[in-house]
């Protein structure tokens, strides 16, 4: 019996959910920047600038898509391909964790591109605060890597059958069934003939026509 953790549907679903969690996290606000009114110029504007994860850590979105595609591909891949897919997902997970951790370590540097786009000033200073979504990306990315490590051992329980395997298994089964049926019919006929008593000439000709020896 296949363990729960090794079931193909369970493992593929786990990887897909974690990859989608990372992808969804990048669509949310990772950094909130409180801009200095002097940086906004005469035009003024909002002092608060939200920075999405896709802008603070651009690589995370692409790596999440790679991990998702790898998890889906693992469900139909062969033994060697699953090893390669596992390596790809682990590398993608490591990249997700590293990129999100970089944002947590230096959120101001991660927000510089958005600050420059809003103020026209590069290398400016501002007060920033980090939301919980980068942490979610780190946790989901780490779990994604652990889930990828299960692909190879779980693949031993994933048995696939090709059309040639099915055909090879079906032909002997049919022949065996036919042979067993023919033997049963022959035995039944012999038993009936033996139970009927002495064999007359007509019965002898009938048995000869079937290839039996009536003597």
N, C-alpha and C. Protein backbone atom coordinates (compact mmCIF):
# COMPACT_ATOMS: atom_id res chain seq x y z
N UNK A 1 0.84 -1.20 0.00
CA UNK A 1 0.00 0.00 0.00
C UNK A 1 0.87 1.25 0.00
N UNK A 2 0.54 2.20 -0.84
CA UNK A 2 1.33 3.42 -0.97
C UNK A 2 1.10 4.33 0.24
N UNK A 3 2.17 4.79 0.91
CA UNK A 3 1.99 5.72 2.03
C UNK A 3 1.34 7.01 1.55
N UNK A 4 0.72 7.72 2.48
CA UNK A 4 0.02 8.96 2.12
C UNK A 4 0.99 9.98 1.54
N UNK A 5 2.16 10.10 2.16
CA UNK A 5 3.12 11.10 1.70
C UNK A 5 3.67 10.79 0.31
N UNK A 6 3.61 9.51 -0.10
CA UNK A 6 4.17 9.11 -1.38
C UNK A 6 3.14 9.07 -2.50
N UNK A 7 1.91 9.35 -2.21
CA UNK A 7 0.90 9.34 -3.26
C UNK A 7 1.16 10.46 -4.26
N UNK A 8 1.05 10.13 -5.52
CA UNK A 8 1.35 11.11 -6.57
C UNK A 8 0.45 12.33 -6.45
N UNK A 9 -0.84 12.11 -6.27
CA UNK A 9 -1.77 13.24 -6.20
C UNK A 9 -1.48 14.13 -5.00
N UNK A 10 -1.13 13.52 -3.87
CA UNK A 10 -0.85 14.29 -2.66
C UNK A 10 0.39 15.15 -2.82
N UNK A 11 1.46 14.55 -3.34
CA UNK A 11 2.73 15.27 -3.45
C UNK A 11 2.67 16.36 -4.51
N UNK A 12 2.06 16.06 -5.64
CA UNK A 12 1.94 17.07 -6.69
C UNK A 12 1.07 18.24 -6.22
N UNK A 13 -0.01 17.91 -5.50
CA UNK A 13 -0.88 18.97 -4.98
C UNK A 13 -0.14 19.83 -3.96
N UNK A 14 0.68 19.20 -3.11
CA UNK A 14 1.44 19.94 -2.12
C UNK A 14 2.40 20.93 -2.78
N UNK A 15 3.13 20.46 -3.78
CA UNK A 15 4.08 21.34 -4.48
C UNK A 15 3.34 22.46 -5.19
N UNK A 16 2.22 22.15 -5.82
CA UNK A 16 1.45 23.17 -6.53
C UNK A 16 0.92 24.23 -5.57
N UNK A 17 0.41 23.80 -4.42
CA UNK A 17 -0.14 24.75 -3.45
C UNK A 17 0.96 25.67 -2.91
N UNK A 18 2.12 25.11 -2.60
CA UNK A 18 3.22 25.92 -2.07
C UNK A 18 3.74 26.90 -3.13
N UNK A 19 3.86 26.43 -4.37
CA UNK A 19 4.32 27.33 -5.44
C UNK A 19 3.31 28.45 -5.67
N UNK A 20 2.02 28.12 -5.64
CA UNK A 20 1.00 29.15 -5.80
C UNK A 20 0.97 30.11 -4.61
N UNK A 21 1.29 29.60 -3.42
CA UNK A 21 1.36 30.47 -2.25
C UNK A 21 2.46 31.51 -2.41
N UNK A 22 3.61 31.05 -2.91
CA UNK A 22 4.72 31.99 -3.16
C UNK A 22 4.33 33.00 -4.23
N UNK A 23 3.73 32.50 -5.31
CA UNK A 23 3.32 33.39 -6.40
C UNK A 23 2.30 34.41 -5.90
N UNK A 24 1.33 33.93 -5.12
CA UNK A 24 0.32 34.85 -4.60
C UNK A 24 0.90 35.88 -3.66
N UNK A 25 1.92 35.49 -2.90
CA UNK A 25 2.54 36.43 -1.98
C UNK A 25 3.20 37.59 -2.71
N UNK A 26 3.73 37.32 -3.91
CA UNK A 26 4.41 38.39 -4.66
C UNK A 26 3.43 39.44 -5.20
N UNK A 27 2.15 39.12 -5.22
CA UNK A 27 1.16 40.10 -5.70
C UNK A 27 0.71 41.04 -4.58
N UNK A 28 1.18 40.78 -3.36
CA UNK A 28 0.80 41.60 -2.22
C UNK A 28 1.91 42.58 -1.86
N UNK A 29 1.58 43.48 -0.97
CA UNK A 29 2.54 44.50 -0.53
C UNK A 29 3.55 43.89 0.43
N UNK A 30 4.81 44.02 0.08
CA UNK A 30 5.89 43.52 0.93
C UNK A 30 6.49 44.63 1.78
N UNK A 31 6.57 45.82 1.20
CA UNK A 31 7.22 46.94 1.88
C UNK A 31 6.32 48.17 1.79
N UNK A 32 6.21 48.86 2.89
CA UNK A 32 5.50 50.14 2.91
C UNK A 32 6.52 51.24 3.17
N UNK A 33 6.61 52.17 2.23
CA UNK A 33 7.60 53.25 2.31
C UNK A 33 6.90 54.55 2.70
N UNK A 34 7.40 55.20 3.74
CA UNK A 34 6.90 56.52 4.15
C UNK A 34 7.84 57.57 3.57
N UNK A 35 7.38 58.22 2.51
CA UNK A 35 8.23 59.17 1.79
C UNK A 35 8.27 60.52 2.50
N UNK A 36 9.40 61.20 2.35
CA UNK A 36 9.57 62.56 2.85
C UNK A 36 8.85 63.49 1.89
N UNK A 37 7.99 64.38 2.39
CA UNK A 37 7.28 65.31 1.49
C UNK A 37 8.23 66.11 0.61
N UNK A 38 9.43 66.41 1.10
CA UNK A 38 10.38 67.18 0.29
C UNK A 38 10.83 66.39 -0.94
N UNK A 39 10.80 65.05 -0.85
CA UNK A 39 11.22 64.23 -1.98
C UNK A 39 10.16 64.21 -3.08
N UNK A 40 8.93 64.55 -2.72
CA UNK A 40 7.85 64.48 -3.70
C UNK A 40 7.80 65.72 -4.58
N UNK A 41 8.54 66.77 -4.21
CA UNK A 41 8.57 67.96 -5.06
C UNK A 41 7.34 68.82 -4.85
N UNK A 42 7.14 69.78 -5.73
CA UNK A 42 6.04 70.71 -5.61
C UNK A 42 4.69 70.05 -5.87
N UNK A 43 4.73 69.00 -6.67
CA UNK A 43 3.47 68.34 -7.00
C UNK A 43 2.87 67.62 -5.82
N UNK A 44 3.70 67.34 -4.81
CA UNK A 44 3.20 66.62 -3.65
C UNK A 44 2.81 65.20 -4.02
N UNK A 45 1.84 64.66 -3.34
CA UNK A 45 1.38 63.30 -3.59
C UNK A 45 1.27 62.54 -2.29
N UNK A 46 1.00 61.25 -2.41
CA UNK A 46 0.85 60.42 -1.23
C UNK A 46 2.21 60.19 -0.57
N UNK A 47 2.22 60.26 0.75
CA UNK A 47 3.46 60.04 1.48
C UNK A 47 3.77 58.56 1.64
N UNK A 48 2.75 57.73 1.51
CA UNK A 48 2.92 56.29 1.69
C UNK A 48 3.01 55.61 0.33
N UNK A 49 4.04 54.79 0.15
CA UNK A 49 4.25 54.09 -1.11
C UNK A 49 4.31 52.58 -0.84
N UNK A 50 3.29 51.84 -1.30
CA UNK A 50 3.35 50.37 -1.15
C UNK A 50 4.19 49.75 -2.26
N UNK A 51 4.99 48.78 -1.90
CA UNK A 51 5.85 48.10 -2.87
C UNK A 51 5.47 46.61 -2.88
N UNK A 52 5.02 46.15 -4.03
CA UNK A 52 4.64 44.74 -4.15
C UNK A 52 5.87 43.84 -4.16
N UNK A 53 5.61 42.56 -3.84
CA UNK A 53 6.70 41.59 -3.84
C UNK A 53 7.30 41.38 -5.21
N UNK A 54 6.49 41.50 -6.25
CA UNK A 54 7.00 41.32 -7.61
C UNK A 54 7.97 42.42 -8.01
N UNK A 55 7.92 43.57 -7.29
CA UNK A 55 8.86 44.66 -7.56
C UNK A 55 10.02 44.65 -6.57
N UNK A 56 9.74 44.22 -5.37
CA UNK A 56 10.81 44.17 -4.36
C UNK A 56 11.76 43.01 -4.61
N UNK A 57 11.22 41.90 -5.09
CA UNK A 57 12.04 40.71 -5.40
C UNK A 57 11.51 40.12 -6.70
N UNK A 58 11.96 40.63 -7.80
CA UNK A 58 11.41 40.27 -9.11
C UNK A 58 11.63 38.80 -9.46
N UNK A 59 12.69 38.20 -8.95
CA UNK A 59 13.00 36.82 -9.31
C UNK A 59 12.03 35.82 -8.68
N UNK A 60 11.39 36.19 -7.58
CA UNK A 60 10.55 35.24 -6.84
C UNK A 60 9.37 34.79 -7.70
N UNK A 61 8.77 35.70 -8.42
CA UNK A 61 7.61 35.35 -9.26
C UNK A 61 7.99 34.31 -10.30
N UNK A 62 9.09 34.53 -10.99
CA UNK A 62 9.52 33.59 -12.03
C UNK A 62 9.89 32.24 -11.43
N UNK A 63 10.56 32.25 -10.29
CA UNK A 63 10.97 30.99 -9.66
C UNK A 63 9.76 30.20 -9.17
N UNK A 64 8.73 30.88 -8.72
CA UNK A 64 7.51 30.19 -8.30
C UNK A 64 6.84 29.49 -9.48
N UNK A 65 6.84 30.14 -10.63
CA UNK A 65 6.26 29.53 -11.84
C UNK A 65 7.07 28.31 -12.26
N UNK A 66 8.39 28.40 -12.16
CA UNK A 66 9.26 27.27 -12.50
C UNK A 66 8.97 26.08 -11.58
N UNK A 67 8.84 26.35 -10.28
CA UNK A 67 8.56 25.28 -9.33
C UNK A 67 7.20 24.65 -9.60
N UNK A 68 6.22 25.46 -9.92
CA UNK A 68 4.88 24.94 -10.23
C UNK A 68 4.92 24.04 -11.45
N UNK A 69 5.58 24.49 -12.50
CA UNK A 69 5.69 23.67 -13.72
C UNK A 69 6.44 22.38 -13.44
N UNK A 70 7.49 22.45 -12.62
CA UNK A 70 8.25 21.26 -12.28
C UNK A 70 7.42 20.24 -11.52
N UNK A 71 6.60 20.70 -10.59
CA UNK A 71 5.75 19.79 -9.83
C UNK A 71 4.74 19.08 -10.70
N UNK A 72 4.16 19.79 -11.65
CA UNK A 72 3.20 19.17 -12.56
C UNK A 72 3.90 18.19 -13.51
N UNK A 73 5.09 18.55 -13.95
CA UNK A 73 5.83 17.67 -14.86
C UNK A 73 6.28 16.39 -14.17
N UNK A 74 6.54 16.46 -12.88
CA UNK A 74 7.01 15.28 -12.15
C UNK A 74 5.97 14.17 -12.15
N UNK A 75 4.70 14.53 -12.28
CA UNK A 75 3.64 13.52 -12.22
C UNK A 75 3.63 12.62 -13.45
N UNK A 76 4.23 13.05 -14.55
CA UNK A 76 4.24 12.26 -15.78
C UNK A 76 5.65 11.90 -16.23
N UNK A 77 6.65 12.28 -15.45
CA UNK A 77 8.03 12.07 -15.86
C UNK A 77 8.51 10.68 -15.45
N UNK A 78 9.58 10.24 -16.12
CA UNK A 78 10.22 8.99 -15.79
C UNK A 78 11.18 9.14 -14.63
N UNK A 79 11.88 8.06 -14.32
CA UNK A 79 12.75 8.04 -13.15
C UNK A 79 13.86 9.08 -13.24
N UNK A 80 14.58 9.09 -14.37
CA UNK A 80 15.69 10.04 -14.53
C UNK A 80 15.19 11.47 -14.60
N UNK A 81 14.08 11.67 -15.31
CA UNK A 81 13.51 13.01 -15.42
C UNK A 81 13.07 13.54 -14.07
N UNK A 82 12.56 12.67 -13.21
CA UNK A 82 12.13 13.11 -11.88
C UNK A 82 13.32 13.61 -11.06
N UNK A 83 14.48 12.99 -11.24
CA UNK A 83 15.67 13.45 -10.52
C UNK A 83 16.05 14.86 -10.98
N UNK A 84 16.01 15.09 -12.29
CA UNK A 84 16.33 16.43 -12.82
C UNK A 84 15.31 17.46 -12.35
N UNK A 85 14.03 17.08 -12.37
CA UNK A 85 12.97 18.00 -11.93
C UNK A 85 13.14 18.33 -10.46
N UNK A 86 13.50 17.32 -9.66
CA UNK A 86 13.73 17.57 -8.24
C UNK A 86 14.82 18.60 -8.03
N UNK A 87 15.91 18.47 -8.78
CA UNK A 87 17.01 19.43 -8.67
C UNK A 87 16.56 20.83 -9.06
N UNK A 88 15.76 20.92 -10.11
CA UNK A 88 15.28 22.24 -10.57
C UNK A 88 14.40 22.90 -9.51
N UNK A 89 13.48 22.12 -8.94
CA UNK A 89 12.59 22.69 -7.93
C UNK A 89 13.37 23.11 -6.69
N UNK A 90 14.35 22.31 -6.29
CA UNK A 90 15.16 22.67 -5.12
C UNK A 90 15.93 23.97 -5.37
N UNK A 91 16.51 24.10 -6.56
CA UNK A 91 17.21 25.35 -6.89
C UNK A 91 16.26 26.54 -6.91
N UNK A 92 15.06 26.33 -7.47
CA UNK A 92 14.06 27.41 -7.48
C UNK A 92 13.65 27.78 -6.06
N UNK A 93 13.50 26.78 -5.21
CA UNK A 93 13.14 27.05 -3.81
C UNK A 93 14.23 27.82 -3.10
N UNK A 94 15.47 27.44 -3.34
CA UNK A 94 16.59 28.16 -2.73
C UNK A 94 16.63 29.61 -3.20
N UNK A 95 16.35 29.83 -4.48
CA UNK A 95 16.31 31.19 -4.99
C UNK A 95 15.19 32.01 -4.37
N UNK A 96 14.03 31.37 -4.16
CA UNK A 96 12.90 32.07 -3.53
C UNK A 96 13.26 32.50 -2.11
N UNK A 97 13.82 31.56 -1.35
CA UNK A 97 14.18 31.86 0.03
C UNK A 97 15.24 32.95 0.09
N UNK A 98 16.24 32.87 -0.78
CA UNK A 98 17.32 33.86 -0.77
C UNK A 98 16.80 35.25 -1.14
N UNK A 99 15.96 35.33 -2.16
CA UNK A 99 15.44 36.63 -2.60
C UNK A 99 14.55 37.26 -1.54
N UNK A 100 13.67 36.44 -0.95
CA UNK A 100 12.78 36.97 0.08
C UNK A 100 13.56 37.36 1.34
N UNK A 101 14.56 36.58 1.68
CA UNK A 101 15.38 36.90 2.85
C UNK A 101 16.17 38.19 2.64
N UNK A 102 16.57 38.44 1.40
CA UNK A 102 17.29 39.69 1.09
C UNK A 102 16.40 40.90 1.34
N UNK A 103 15.12 40.76 0.98
CA UNK A 103 14.17 41.85 1.23
C UNK A 103 14.02 42.09 2.73
N UNK A 104 13.94 41.00 3.49
CA UNK A 104 13.82 41.15 4.94
C UNK A 104 15.07 41.77 5.56
N UNK A 105 16.22 41.44 5.00
CA UNK A 105 17.48 41.94 5.55
C UNK A 105 17.68 43.43 5.24
N UNK A 106 17.28 43.86 4.05
CA UNK A 106 17.49 45.26 3.66
C UNK A 106 16.29 45.73 2.83
N UNK A 107 15.17 46.01 3.48
CA UNK A 107 13.98 46.42 2.74
C UNK A 107 14.14 47.75 1.99
N UNK A 108 14.94 48.65 2.52
CA UNK A 108 15.13 49.93 1.84
C UNK A 108 15.79 49.75 0.49
N UNK A 109 16.82 48.90 0.44
CA UNK A 109 17.48 48.64 -0.83
C UNK A 109 16.52 47.97 -1.82
N UNK A 110 15.65 47.07 -1.33
CA UNK A 110 14.69 46.41 -2.21
C UNK A 110 13.65 47.38 -2.73
N UNK A 111 13.39 48.45 -1.99
CA UNK A 111 12.37 49.42 -2.40
C UNK A 111 12.93 50.58 -3.21
N UNK A 112 14.23 50.61 -3.45
CA UNK A 112 14.83 51.76 -4.12
C UNK A 112 14.27 51.97 -5.53
N UNK A 113 14.02 50.89 -6.24
CA UNK A 113 13.47 51.04 -7.58
C UNK A 113 12.12 51.71 -7.57
N UNK A 114 11.26 51.33 -6.66
CA UNK A 114 9.93 51.94 -6.56
C UNK A 114 10.02 53.38 -6.06
N UNK A 115 10.95 53.64 -5.13
CA UNK A 115 11.13 55.00 -4.64
C UNK A 115 11.61 55.92 -5.76
N UNK A 116 12.55 55.43 -6.56
CA UNK A 116 13.06 56.24 -7.67
C UNK A 116 11.97 56.50 -8.70
N UNK A 117 11.11 55.51 -8.95
CA UNK A 117 10.03 55.70 -9.91
C UNK A 117 9.01 56.71 -9.40
N UNK A 118 8.80 56.78 -8.09
CA UNK A 118 7.80 57.69 -7.53
C UNK A 118 8.33 59.10 -7.33
N UNK A 119 9.60 59.24 -7.02
CA UNK A 119 10.16 60.56 -6.69
C UNK A 119 11.14 61.08 -7.74
N UNK A 120 11.67 60.17 -8.55
CA UNK A 120 12.66 60.61 -9.53
C UNK A 120 14.03 60.76 -8.91
N UNK A 121 14.20 60.34 -7.68
CA UNK A 121 15.48 60.46 -6.98
C UNK A 121 15.98 59.05 -6.67
N UNK A 122 17.20 58.77 -7.05
CA UNK A 122 17.80 57.46 -6.77
C UNK A 122 18.68 57.56 -5.54
N UNK A 123 18.70 56.48 -4.78
CA UNK A 123 19.56 56.45 -3.60
C UNK A 123 19.04 57.28 -2.46
N UNK A 124 17.75 57.62 -2.46
CA UNK A 124 17.19 58.42 -1.38
C UNK A 124 16.96 57.59 -0.14
N UNK A 125 16.72 58.26 0.94
CA UNK A 125 16.43 57.59 2.21
C UNK A 125 14.96 57.75 2.54
N UNK A 126 14.43 56.79 3.23
CA UNK A 126 13.03 56.83 3.62
C UNK A 126 12.80 55.84 4.75
N UNK A 127 11.70 56.04 5.43
CA UNK A 127 11.32 55.11 6.48
C UNK A 127 10.50 53.99 5.87
N UNK A 128 10.89 52.75 6.11
CA UNK A 128 10.21 51.62 5.50
C UNK A 128 9.78 50.64 6.59
N UNK A 129 8.72 49.90 6.27
CA UNK A 129 8.25 48.83 7.15
C UNK A 129 7.92 47.62 6.28
N UNK A 130 8.14 46.45 6.83
CA UNK A 130 7.96 45.20 6.09
C UNK A 130 6.70 44.49 6.57
N UNK A 131 5.93 43.95 5.63
CA UNK A 131 4.74 43.19 5.96
C UNK A 131 5.10 41.72 6.21
N UNK A 132 4.09 40.91 6.40
CA UNK A 132 4.33 39.49 6.69
C UNK A 132 4.53 38.65 5.44
N UNK A 133 4.27 39.21 4.27
CA UNK A 133 4.32 38.41 3.05
C UNK A 133 5.73 37.93 2.68
N UNK A 134 6.79 38.70 2.90
CA UNK A 134 8.13 38.13 2.65
C UNK A 134 8.42 36.93 3.54
N UNK A 135 7.94 36.97 4.77
CA UNK A 135 8.12 35.82 5.67
C UNK A 135 7.36 34.62 5.13
N UNK A 136 6.14 34.85 4.63
CA UNK A 136 5.35 33.77 4.03
C UNK A 136 6.09 33.16 2.85
N UNK A 137 6.73 34.00 2.06
CA UNK A 137 7.47 33.50 0.90
C UNK A 137 8.66 32.65 1.34
N UNK A 138 9.34 33.05 2.40
CA UNK A 138 10.48 32.27 2.91
C UNK A 138 10.01 30.91 3.40
N UNK A 139 8.92 30.89 4.19
CA UNK A 139 8.42 29.64 4.74
C UNK A 139 7.93 28.71 3.63
N UNK A 140 7.13 29.27 2.71
CA UNK A 140 6.60 28.46 1.61
C UNK A 140 7.73 27.96 0.71
N UNK A 141 8.74 28.79 0.49
CA UNK A 141 9.87 28.37 -0.33
C UNK A 141 10.65 27.24 0.31
N UNK A 142 10.85 27.31 1.63
CA UNK A 142 11.56 26.25 2.33
C UNK A 142 10.77 24.94 2.29
N UNK A 143 9.46 25.03 2.52
CA UNK A 143 8.62 23.84 2.46
C UNK A 143 8.57 23.27 1.04
N UNK A 144 8.64 24.14 0.07
CA UNK A 144 8.65 23.71 -1.33
C UNK A 144 9.89 22.87 -1.62
N UNK A 145 11.03 23.29 -1.09
CA UNK A 145 12.25 22.51 -1.26
C UNK A 145 12.17 21.16 -0.57
N UNK A 146 11.58 21.14 0.62
CA UNK A 146 11.42 19.86 1.33
C UNK A 146 10.47 18.93 0.58
N UNK A 147 9.42 19.51 0.02
CA UNK A 147 8.49 18.70 -0.76
C UNK A 147 9.15 18.12 -2.00
N UNK A 148 10.04 18.89 -2.61
CA UNK A 148 10.75 18.39 -3.80
C UNK A 148 11.65 17.22 -3.47
N UNK A 149 12.20 17.20 -2.26
CA UNK A 149 13.07 16.08 -1.85
C UNK A 149 12.30 14.76 -1.76
N UNK A 150 10.99 14.84 -1.64
CA UNK A 150 10.18 13.62 -1.54
C UNK A 150 9.85 13.02 -2.90
N UNK A 151 10.11 13.75 -3.98
CA UNK A 151 9.72 13.26 -5.30
C UNK A 151 10.42 11.96 -5.66
N UNK A 152 11.73 11.91 -5.45
CA UNK A 152 12.49 10.72 -5.85
C UNK A 152 12.09 9.49 -5.04
N UNK A 153 12.08 9.54 -3.69
CA UNK A 153 11.64 8.33 -2.96
C UNK A 153 10.17 7.99 -3.20
N UNK A 154 9.33 8.99 -3.37
CA UNK A 154 7.91 8.71 -3.63
C UNK A 154 7.71 8.12 -5.01
N UNK A 155 8.59 8.46 -5.96
CA UNK A 155 8.46 7.95 -7.32
C UNK A 155 8.56 6.44 -7.41
N UNK A 156 9.16 5.81 -6.39
CA UNK A 156 9.26 4.35 -6.39
C UNK A 156 7.89 3.68 -6.26
N UNK A 157 6.94 4.44 -5.72
CA UNK A 157 5.59 3.90 -5.55
C UNK A 157 4.68 4.25 -6.72
N UNK A 158 5.18 5.08 -7.64
CA UNK A 158 4.36 5.51 -8.77
C UNK A 158 4.55 4.52 -9.91
N UNK A 159 3.62 3.65 -10.09
CA UNK A 159 3.72 2.63 -11.13
C UNK A 159 2.93 3.08 -12.34
N UNK A 160 3.62 3.16 -13.46
CA UNK A 160 2.96 3.53 -14.71
C UNK A 160 2.95 2.36 -15.68
N UNK A 161 1.89 2.22 -16.45
CA UNK A 161 1.76 1.14 -17.43
C UNK A 161 1.59 1.75 -18.81
N UNK A 162 2.37 1.25 -19.77
CA UNK A 162 2.24 1.70 -21.14
C UNK A 162 1.23 0.84 -21.87
N UNK A 163 0.86 1.23 -23.08
CA UNK A 163 -0.10 0.46 -23.86
C UNK A 163 0.47 -0.90 -24.24
N UNK A 164 1.82 -1.01 -24.34
CA UNK A 164 2.43 -2.29 -24.66
C UNK A 164 2.35 -3.24 -23.48
N UNK A 165 2.50 -2.68 -22.25
CA UNK A 165 2.37 -3.52 -21.06
C UNK A 165 0.96 -4.06 -20.93
N UNK A 166 -0.01 -3.21 -21.22
CA UNK A 166 -1.40 -3.64 -21.13
C UNK A 166 -1.71 -4.73 -22.14
N UNK A 167 -1.20 -4.55 -23.37
CA UNK A 167 -1.44 -5.53 -24.42
C UNK A 167 -0.77 -6.86 -24.08
N UNK A 168 0.44 -6.79 -23.56
CA UNK A 168 1.16 -8.02 -23.21
C UNK A 168 0.47 -8.76 -22.09
N UNK A 169 -0.13 -8.02 -21.16
CA UNK A 169 -0.81 -8.67 -20.07
C UNK A 169 -2.17 -9.19 -20.46
N UNK A 170 -2.79 -8.59 -21.47
CA UNK A 170 -4.14 -8.98 -21.84
C UNK A 170 -4.16 -10.24 -22.69
N UNK A 171 -3.14 -10.43 -23.58
CA UNK A 171 -3.15 -11.57 -24.49
C UNK A 171 -3.02 -12.89 -23.76
N UNK A 172 -2.03 -13.05 -22.86
CA UNK A 172 -1.93 -14.32 -22.15
C UNK A 172 -3.17 -14.60 -21.31
N UNK A 173 -3.76 -13.52 -20.75
CA UNK A 173 -4.94 -13.72 -19.94
C UNK A 173 -6.06 -14.27 -20.78
N UNK A 174 -6.21 -13.75 -22.02
CA UNK A 174 -7.27 -14.22 -22.91
C UNK A 174 -7.04 -15.65 -23.34
N UNK A 175 -5.78 -15.96 -23.67
CA UNK A 175 -5.46 -17.30 -24.11
C UNK A 175 -5.70 -18.30 -22.99
N UNK A 176 -5.26 -17.91 -21.78
CA UNK A 176 -5.44 -18.79 -20.64
C UNK A 176 -6.90 -19.04 -20.35
N UNK A 177 -7.69 -17.96 -20.46
CA UNK A 177 -9.12 -18.11 -20.20
C UNK A 177 -9.76 -18.99 -21.24
N UNK A 178 -9.36 -18.80 -22.51
CA UNK A 178 -9.92 -19.61 -23.59
C UNK A 178 -9.53 -21.06 -23.43
N UNK A 179 -8.23 -21.29 -23.07
CA UNK A 179 -7.77 -22.65 -22.90
C UNK A 179 -8.48 -23.34 -21.75
N UNK A 180 -8.68 -22.56 -20.67
CA UNK A 180 -9.37 -23.14 -19.52
C UNK A 180 -10.80 -23.47 -19.85
N UNK A 181 -11.45 -22.59 -20.67
CA UNK A 181 -12.83 -22.84 -21.05
C UNK A 181 -12.93 -24.06 -21.94
N UNK A 182 -11.93 -24.18 -22.90
CA UNK A 182 -11.95 -25.34 -23.79
C UNK A 182 -11.74 -26.63 -23.03
N UNK A 183 -10.84 -26.61 -22.07
CA UNK A 183 -10.59 -27.81 -21.27
C UNK A 183 -11.81 -28.19 -20.46
N UNK A 184 -12.46 -27.17 -19.92
CA UNK A 184 -13.67 -27.44 -19.12
C UNK A 184 -14.76 -28.05 -19.97
N UNK A 185 -14.96 -27.47 -21.20
CA UNK A 185 -15.99 -28.00 -22.10
C UNK A 185 -15.68 -29.44 -22.48
N UNK A 186 -14.38 -29.73 -22.78
CA UNK A 186 -13.99 -31.07 -23.19
C UNK A 186 -14.22 -32.07 -22.08
N UNK A 187 -13.85 -31.65 -20.86
CA UNK A 187 -14.06 -32.54 -19.72
C UNK A 187 -15.54 -32.79 -19.48
N UNK A 188 -16.33 -31.74 -19.68
CA UNK A 188 -17.78 -31.88 -19.47
C UNK A 188 -18.37 -32.84 -20.49
N UNK A 189 -17.89 -32.72 -21.75
CA UNK A 189 -18.40 -33.60 -22.80
C UNK A 189 -18.00 -35.05 -22.53
N UNK A 190 -16.72 -35.24 -22.08
CA UNK A 190 -16.28 -36.60 -21.78
C UNK A 190 -17.07 -37.19 -20.63
N UNK A 191 -17.35 -36.36 -19.64
CA UNK A 191 -18.12 -36.85 -18.49
C UNK A 191 -19.52 -37.20 -18.89
N UNK A 192 -20.11 -36.37 -19.78
CA UNK A 192 -21.47 -36.64 -20.25
C UNK A 192 -21.50 -37.94 -21.05
N UNK A 193 -20.46 -38.12 -21.90
CA UNK A 193 -20.41 -39.32 -22.72
C UNK A 193 -20.23 -40.55 -21.85
N UNK A 194 -19.39 -40.43 -20.80
CA UNK A 194 -19.17 -41.58 -19.93
C UNK A 194 -20.43 -41.90 -19.14
N UNK A 195 -21.18 -40.86 -18.76
CA UNK A 195 -22.40 -41.09 -17.99
C UNK A 195 -23.51 -41.65 -18.84
N UNK A 196 -23.45 -41.47 -20.16
CA UNK A 196 -24.52 -41.91 -21.06
C UNK A 196 -24.51 -43.41 -21.27
N UNK A 197 -23.44 -44.10 -20.90
CA UNK A 197 -23.41 -45.55 -21.04
C UNK A 197 -22.62 -45.97 -22.25
N UNK A 198 -22.92 -47.11 -22.86
CA UNK A 198 -22.18 -47.62 -24.02
C UNK A 198 -22.22 -46.66 -25.19
N UNK A 199 -21.13 -46.63 -25.96
CA UNK A 199 -21.03 -45.74 -27.10
C UNK A 199 -21.47 -46.47 -28.35
N UNK A 200 -22.45 -45.92 -29.10
CA UNK A 200 -22.91 -46.54 -30.34
C UNK A 200 -22.11 -45.99 -31.51
N UNK A 201 -22.44 -46.44 -32.72
CA UNK A 201 -21.68 -46.04 -33.91
C UNK A 201 -21.79 -44.55 -34.19
N UNK A 202 -22.99 -44.01 -33.99
CA UNK A 202 -23.17 -42.56 -34.26
C UNK A 202 -22.32 -41.74 -33.30
N UNK A 203 -22.32 -42.16 -32.02
CA UNK A 203 -21.50 -41.43 -31.06
C UNK A 203 -20.02 -41.54 -31.40
N UNK A 204 -19.63 -42.72 -31.89
CA UNK A 204 -18.23 -42.92 -32.26
C UNK A 204 -17.83 -41.98 -33.37
N UNK A 205 -18.68 -41.85 -34.42
CA UNK A 205 -18.37 -40.93 -35.52
C UNK A 205 -18.32 -39.48 -35.03
N UNK A 206 -19.23 -39.14 -34.12
CA UNK A 206 -19.21 -37.76 -33.59
C UNK A 206 -17.91 -37.47 -32.84
N UNK A 207 -17.48 -38.44 -32.05
CA UNK A 207 -16.25 -38.23 -31.29
C UNK A 207 -15.02 -38.22 -32.20
N UNK A 208 -15.04 -39.05 -33.23
CA UNK A 208 -13.94 -39.02 -34.21
C UNK A 208 -13.86 -37.66 -34.92
N UNK A 209 -15.04 -37.09 -35.24
CA UNK A 209 -15.05 -35.79 -35.92
C UNK A 209 -14.48 -34.70 -35.02
N UNK A 210 -14.58 -34.89 -33.70
CA UNK A 210 -14.00 -33.91 -32.76
C UNK A 210 -12.54 -34.22 -32.46
N UNK A 211 -12.01 -35.32 -33.00
CA UNK A 211 -10.60 -35.65 -32.79
C UNK A 211 -10.38 -36.55 -31.61
N UNK A 212 -11.46 -37.11 -31.03
CA UNK A 212 -11.31 -38.01 -29.88
C UNK A 212 -11.24 -39.45 -30.35
N UNK A 213 -10.66 -40.31 -29.54
CA UNK A 213 -10.56 -41.74 -29.84
C UNK A 213 -11.65 -42.45 -29.04
N UNK A 214 -12.66 -43.00 -29.69
CA UNK A 214 -13.77 -43.61 -28.96
C UNK A 214 -13.44 -45.00 -28.40
N UNK A 215 -12.28 -45.56 -28.74
CA UNK A 215 -11.95 -46.92 -28.29
C UNK A 215 -11.48 -46.91 -26.85
